[in-house]
Protein backbone atom coordinates (compact mmCIF):
# COMPACT_ATOMS: atom_id res chain seq x y z
CA UNK A 1 135.89 130.07 -83.73
CA UNK A 2 137.16 126.16 -84.33
CA UNK A 3 135.17 123.50 -81.98
CA UNK A 4 136.89 122.16 -79.07
CA UNK A 5 135.54 118.89 -79.06
CA UNK A 6 138.42 116.66 -77.60
CA UNK A 7 139.62 114.00 -80.04
CA UNK A 8 140.24 110.53 -79.07
CA UNK A 9 143.07 108.21 -79.57
CA UNK A 10 146.71 109.04 -80.15
CA UNK A 11 145.53 112.69 -81.15
CA UNK A 12 144.81 113.51 -77.72
CA UNK A 13 147.90 114.28 -75.57
CA UNK A 14 148.57 114.39 -71.70
CA UNK A 15 150.62 116.97 -70.01
CA UNK A 16 153.35 115.66 -67.78
CA UNK A 17 154.36 117.25 -64.61
CA UNK A 18 150.99 118.85 -63.97
CA UNK A 19 151.36 121.93 -61.48
CA UNK A 20 148.98 122.44 -58.70
CA UNK A 21 145.99 123.23 -58.69
CA UNK A 22 145.73 121.42 -61.99
CA UNK A 23 144.60 117.85 -61.46
CA UNK A 24 145.00 116.73 -65.16
CA UNK A 25 145.73 118.66 -68.33
CA UNK A 26 145.05 117.39 -71.87
CA UNK A 27 145.69 118.80 -75.22
CA UNK A 28 145.33 118.53 -78.97
CA UNK A 29 146.21 120.11 -82.17
CA UNK A 30 143.34 121.27 -84.38
CA UNK A 31 143.33 120.44 -88.20
CA UNK A 32 144.86 123.01 -90.46
CA UNK A 33 146.79 124.82 -87.77
CA UNK A 34 143.70 126.32 -86.42
CA UNK A 35 145.30 126.63 -82.96
CA UNK A 36 146.01 124.08 -79.93
CA UNK A 37 143.11 123.02 -77.66
CA UNK A 38 143.22 122.66 -74.08
CA UNK A 39 141.32 121.10 -71.27
CA UNK A 40 142.73 121.53 -67.80
CA UNK A 41 140.78 120.34 -64.31
CA UNK A 42 141.14 121.98 -61.49
CA UNK A 43 141.54 119.83 -58.31
CA UNK A 44 138.85 120.83 -55.87
CA UNK A 45 136.69 119.59 -53.08
CA UNK A 46 132.98 119.97 -53.77
CA UNK A 47 132.42 119.57 -50.06
CA UNK A 48 133.57 123.00 -49.18
CA UNK A 49 130.87 124.40 -51.55
CA UNK A 50 128.14 123.04 -49.18
CA UNK A 51 126.59 121.03 -52.31
CA UNK A 52 123.77 118.39 -51.57
CA UNK A 53 123.59 115.60 -54.10
CA UNK A 54 120.69 113.64 -55.11
CA UNK A 55 119.92 111.03 -57.80
CA UNK A 56 116.26 110.03 -59.37
CA UNK A 57 115.88 107.12 -61.29
CA UNK A 58 112.95 106.48 -63.85
CA UNK A 59 111.00 103.91 -62.28
CA UNK A 60 108.03 103.72 -65.02
CA UNK A 61 106.94 100.56 -66.64
CA UNK A 62 109.04 101.07 -69.72
CA UNK A 63 112.21 100.73 -67.43
CA UNK A 64 111.07 96.70 -66.15
CA UNK A 65 113.22 95.29 -68.95
CA UNK A 66 116.34 97.09 -67.56
CA UNK A 67 115.67 96.34 -63.88
CA UNK A 68 115.15 92.70 -65.06
CA UNK A 69 111.72 91.20 -65.65
CA UNK A 70 110.54 88.50 -63.46
CA UNK A 71 111.86 84.59 -64.31
CA UNK A 72 109.69 82.97 -67.09
CA UNK A 73 110.00 79.77 -64.96
CA UNK A 74 111.03 78.51 -61.31
CA UNK A 75 114.18 76.64 -63.03
CA UNK A 76 115.43 79.85 -65.03
CA UNK A 77 117.69 82.34 -63.58
CA UNK A 78 116.41 85.68 -63.06
CA UNK A 79 117.25 88.24 -65.65
CA UNK A 80 120.35 90.63 -64.59
CA UNK A 81 119.73 93.79 -63.02
CA UNK A 82 121.15 96.10 -65.48
CA UNK A 83 120.33 99.32 -63.63
CA UNK A 84 122.25 98.19 -60.36
CA UNK A 85 126.05 98.57 -61.37
CA UNK A 86 125.17 101.95 -62.84
CA UNK A 87 123.39 103.35 -60.24
CA UNK A 88 125.76 102.10 -57.38
CA UNK A 89 128.60 103.96 -59.10
CA UNK A 90 126.75 107.01 -59.83
CA UNK A 91 125.44 107.44 -56.39
CA UNK A 92 128.83 106.72 -54.57
CA UNK A 93 130.24 109.28 -56.86
CA UNK A 94 127.81 111.60 -55.78
CA UNK A 95 128.08 110.77 -52.28
CA UNK A 96 131.61 111.23 -52.44
CA UNK A 97 131.23 115.02 -53.47
CA UNK A 98 128.39 115.88 -51.34
CA UNK A 99 129.24 118.32 -48.27
CA UNK A 100 127.69 115.92 -45.71
CA UNK A 101 129.17 113.08 -47.55
CA UNK A 102 125.58 111.17 -48.73
CA UNK A 103 123.30 111.28 -51.48
CA UNK A 104 119.57 111.31 -51.77
CA UNK A 105 118.68 108.65 -53.84
CA UNK A 106 114.67 108.07 -55.08
CA UNK A 107 113.12 106.34 -58.01
CA UNK A 108 110.78 108.84 -59.82
CA UNK A 109 107.58 108.25 -61.95
CA UNK A 110 106.11 105.53 -60.31
CA UNK A 111 102.68 104.50 -59.45
CA UNK A 112 99.49 105.61 -60.92
CA UNK A 113 100.25 108.00 -63.98
CA UNK A 114 103.64 108.28 -62.78
CA UNK A 115 103.34 110.88 -60.21
CA UNK A 116 104.66 109.19 -57.17
CA UNK A 117 108.10 108.81 -55.69
CA UNK A 118 109.50 106.06 -53.77
CA UNK A 119 112.27 107.24 -51.71
CA UNK A 120 115.21 104.57 -51.36
CA UNK A 121 117.51 106.44 -48.75
CA UNK A 122 120.35 108.90 -48.06
CA UNK A 123 123.57 106.88 -48.66
CA UNK A 124 127.28 107.43 -48.05
CA UNK A 125 129.67 106.24 -50.81
CA UNK A 126 129.80 102.76 -49.15
CA UNK A 127 125.96 102.21 -48.77
CA UNK A 128 125.27 102.91 -52.29
CA UNK A 129 127.93 100.69 -53.76
CA UNK A 130 126.59 98.03 -51.72
CA UNK A 131 122.89 98.98 -51.96
CA UNK A 132 120.32 96.41 -54.06
CA UNK A 133 118.52 98.85 -56.44
CA UNK A 134 116.11 96.45 -56.43
CA UNK A 135 113.09 97.53 -59.05
CA UNK A 136 110.45 100.06 -57.64
CA UNK A 137 107.71 98.52 -55.90
CA UNK A 138 105.24 100.09 -58.17
CA UNK A 139 106.31 100.77 -61.85
CA UNK A 140 104.65 104.02 -63.02
CA UNK A 141 101.87 104.34 -65.56
CA UNK A 142 103.40 107.47 -66.90
CA UNK A 143 106.37 109.85 -66.43
CA UNK A 144 105.86 113.14 -64.62
CA UNK A 145 109.13 115.29 -63.89
CA UNK A 146 107.45 117.87 -61.89
CA UNK A 147 106.72 115.99 -58.64
CA UNK A 148 110.40 114.57 -57.87
CA UNK A 149 111.61 117.93 -59.28
CA UNK A 150 109.90 119.77 -56.33
CA UNK A 151 110.69 117.02 -53.82
CA UNK A 152 114.40 118.05 -54.04
CA UNK A 153 113.59 121.78 -54.70
CA UNK A 154 110.65 123.33 -53.15
CA UNK A 155 111.41 122.64 -49.38
CA UNK A 156 108.39 121.07 -48.83
CA UNK A 157 109.31 117.54 -47.88
CA UNK A 158 113.02 118.09 -47.73
CA UNK A 159 113.92 121.29 -46.12
CA UNK A 160 117.48 119.88 -45.52
CA UNK A 161 118.04 120.09 -49.42
CA UNK A 162 116.04 123.49 -49.93
CA UNK A 163 118.48 125.15 -47.56
CA UNK A 164 121.69 123.74 -49.28
CA UNK A 165 124.48 126.31 -50.59
CA UNK A 166 124.06 124.27 -53.84
CA UNK A 167 121.77 121.45 -54.82
CA UNK A 168 123.27 119.10 -57.87
CA UNK A 169 120.52 116.38 -58.82
CA UNK A 170 120.57 114.01 -61.37
CA UNK A 171 117.30 112.51 -63.13
CA UNK A 172 117.96 109.39 -65.41
CA UNK A 173 114.53 108.76 -67.58
CA UNK A 174 114.00 106.21 -70.89
CA UNK A 175 110.77 108.12 -71.82
CA UNK A 176 108.58 111.24 -72.80
CA UNK A 177 107.73 113.20 -69.88
CA UNK A 178 104.21 113.82 -69.65
CA UNK A 179 104.32 117.25 -67.95
CA UNK A 180 107.34 119.30 -69.64
CA UNK A 181 105.40 122.57 -69.65
CA UNK A 182 104.57 122.57 -66.29
CA UNK A 183 108.57 121.56 -65.56
CA UNK A 184 109.48 124.51 -67.77
CA UNK A 185 107.11 127.04 -65.86
CA UNK A 186 108.35 125.67 -62.63
CA UNK A 187 112.16 126.30 -63.70
CA UNK A 188 111.57 129.50 -65.24
CA UNK A 189 110.19 130.59 -61.37
CA UNK A 190 113.33 129.02 -59.89
CA UNK A 191 115.45 130.68 -62.18
CA UNK A 192 114.02 134.05 -61.03
CA UNK A 193 113.88 133.21 -57.77
CA UNK A 194 117.97 132.17 -57.77
CA UNK A 195 118.88 135.41 -59.63
CA UNK A 196 116.53 137.62 -57.00
CA UNK A 197 118.61 135.82 -54.01
CA UNK A 198 115.34 134.18 -52.70
CA UNK A 199 116.77 130.86 -53.05
CA UNK A 200 120.13 129.24 -53.07
CA UNK A 201 121.65 127.83 -56.35
CA UNK A 202 120.71 124.64 -58.17
CA UNK A 203 122.37 122.73 -60.87
CA UNK A 204 119.86 119.86 -62.42
CA UNK A 205 121.15 117.35 -64.94
CA UNK A 206 118.54 114.86 -66.98
CA UNK A 207 119.98 111.68 -68.74
CA UNK A 208 117.91 110.34 -71.56
CA UNK A 209 118.48 106.50 -71.93
CA UNK A 210 117.23 104.52 -74.77
CA UNK A 211 115.90 104.92 -78.10
CA UNK A 212 111.99 105.96 -76.36
CA UNK A 213 113.49 109.04 -75.08
CA UNK A 214 111.99 112.29 -76.46
CA UNK A 215 115.03 114.40 -77.38
CA UNK A 216 113.01 117.41 -78.34
CA UNK A 217 111.95 117.72 -74.59
CA UNK A 218 115.59 117.43 -73.32
CA UNK A 219 116.90 120.04 -75.81
CA UNK A 220 113.61 122.20 -74.37
CA UNK A 221 115.55 121.89 -70.78
CA UNK A 222 118.80 122.30 -72.11
CA UNK A 223 118.02 125.54 -73.95
CA UNK A 224 115.13 126.74 -71.42
CA UNK A 225 115.14 130.51 -71.68
CA UNK A 226 114.01 131.89 -68.20
CA UNK A 227 114.65 135.25 -68.82
CA UNK A 228 117.54 135.04 -66.56
CA UNK A 229 121.14 134.50 -66.46
CA UNK A 230 120.64 131.28 -64.56
CA UNK A 231 121.17 127.92 -66.50
CA UNK A 232 119.55 125.51 -64.56
CA UNK A 233 119.71 122.48 -67.06
CA UNK A 234 122.48 120.24 -68.70
CA UNK A 235 121.36 117.49 -70.70
CA UNK A 236 122.90 114.15 -71.92
CA UNK A 237 121.91 111.01 -74.14
CA UNK A 238 123.02 107.37 -73.06
CA UNK A 239 122.15 104.57 -75.49
CA UNK A 240 122.62 101.76 -72.63
CA UNK A 241 123.03 101.42 -68.85
CA UNK A 242 126.88 100.66 -69.75
CA UNK A 243 127.25 104.01 -71.72
CA UNK A 244 125.65 105.82 -68.84
CA UNK A 245 128.03 104.72 -66.15
CA UNK A 246 131.05 105.95 -68.54
CA UNK A 247 129.32 109.09 -69.34
CA UNK A 248 128.26 110.36 -65.95
CA UNK A 249 131.41 111.54 -64.74
CA UNK A 250 130.87 114.06 -67.72
CA UNK A 251 127.62 115.16 -66.63
CA UNK A 252 128.25 115.82 -63.14
CA UNK A 253 131.92 117.33 -64.23
CA UNK A 254 133.40 120.02 -61.84
CA UNK A 255 133.16 122.63 -64.80
CA UNK A 256 129.28 123.03 -63.78
CA UNK A 257 130.65 124.13 -60.09
CA UNK A 258 132.08 127.96 -60.09
CA UNK A 259 135.27 127.82 -57.85
CA UNK A 260 136.15 131.42 -57.71
CA UNK A 261 133.52 134.21 -58.43
CA UNK A 262 134.47 136.97 -60.51
CA UNK A 263 138.35 136.00 -61.28
CA UNK A 264 140.48 134.01 -63.32
CA UNK A 265 142.80 134.90 -66.53
CA UNK A 266 144.22 132.34 -69.11
CA UNK A 267 147.20 133.74 -70.83
CA UNK A 268 149.13 131.92 -73.58
CA UNK A 269 153.29 131.71 -73.34
CA UNK A 270 153.58 135.14 -74.87
CA UNK A 271 151.51 136.77 -72.07
CA UNK A 272 148.44 137.26 -74.22
CA UNK A 273 144.91 136.90 -72.84
CA UNK A 274 143.26 133.68 -73.96
CA UNK A 275 140.39 133.29 -71.54
CA UNK A 276 138.84 135.83 -69.16
CA UNK A 277 136.93 134.63 -66.48
CA UNK A 278 136.26 137.78 -64.37
CA UNK A 279 132.37 137.91 -65.46
CA UNK A 280 131.46 134.37 -65.04
CA UNK A 281 133.61 133.17 -62.57
CA UNK A 282 136.49 130.61 -62.74
CA UNK A 283 134.84 127.00 -63.17
CA UNK A 284 136.70 123.52 -62.32
CA UNK A 285 137.26 122.72 -65.96
CA UNK A 286 139.07 125.24 -68.31
CA UNK A 287 138.57 124.93 -71.77
CA UNK A 288 140.49 127.30 -74.13
CA UNK A 289 142.39 127.55 -77.60
CA UNK A 290 146.22 128.53 -77.76
CA UNK A 291 148.02 129.35 -80.64
CA UNK A 292 149.34 126.52 -82.83
CA UNK A 293 152.50 125.18 -81.54
CA UNK A 294 152.50 126.66 -78.20
CA UNK A 295 153.72 124.66 -75.29
CA UNK A 296 152.49 126.35 -71.99
CA UNK A 297 149.74 128.70 -70.72
CA UNK A 298 149.43 130.63 -66.95
CA UNK A 299 146.50 130.97 -64.91
CA UNK A 300 146.19 134.32 -63.11
CA UNK A 301 143.42 134.10 -60.15
CA UNK A 302 143.67 135.23 -56.28
CA UNK A 303 146.63 137.57 -57.13
CA UNK A 304 148.89 134.04 -57.89
CA UNK A 305 150.06 132.79 -61.50
CA UNK A 306 150.36 129.50 -62.14
CA UNK A 307 152.39 128.40 -65.22
CA UNK A 308 151.64 124.80 -66.67
CA UNK A 309 153.75 123.17 -69.31
CA UNK A 310 151.93 121.23 -71.97
CA UNK A 311 154.88 118.99 -72.58
């Protein structure tokens, strides 16, 4: 099947007169008349899903240049904190999507051997936008993911997060994790517990920042075979903080949340089934391939049929 990677520039078109429940509909023509790609976003309020949100920013010593090193002299201005604007934007976005209107923000990989956590607080969107995100009190000497992962998921320190209907947590790192095998074992157990109904759902995201990131570790998490149908991790790479802020909305995209379980069929303008979501459930973002030149599609869900034009 042809790739559905969205193009940039003039090749990407946006539909006019978008019908509810769609918020945005993009389409593009694949080369060689292989078809017409479509990406349609469904308007939704994640808060209705009972979701709790969290963000964890790497506080190891390698992050010091991004947080801004100490001034070289009394008469020189302090270097900029490049973490602050991206962290403010990401935290505010997460808070706006949370059921309680707040996001839990922490620094991780702090202290001796990178095992400590510095809790920043539970912020509303407005509070996150004005929070300083100053450097960690004690930069870490290593990068350990498991302690902060347990903080969000095991219920010992945060029972409120454990009891959430859905927990969505974002981890940002610029280094290599020392405890990757322990993390994989713990996540495998998490997946089995979710599938067996022993705990509520989780979706975990990790964003690798800079040249020191171990891409193979991110791949191990993204492709983790837990022996279940649960897909815990979504991983991405960002080269710098500006890019991190730009791609963040894609990482915590609504496509990661199932809106309607066991329902949803997409048909082309001729009525042929193009995409069937009755097994996987209808996500917040639909991606599918229409015949070349097709000018409309329809979505059938909940006994209703919505027809959306592409022109």
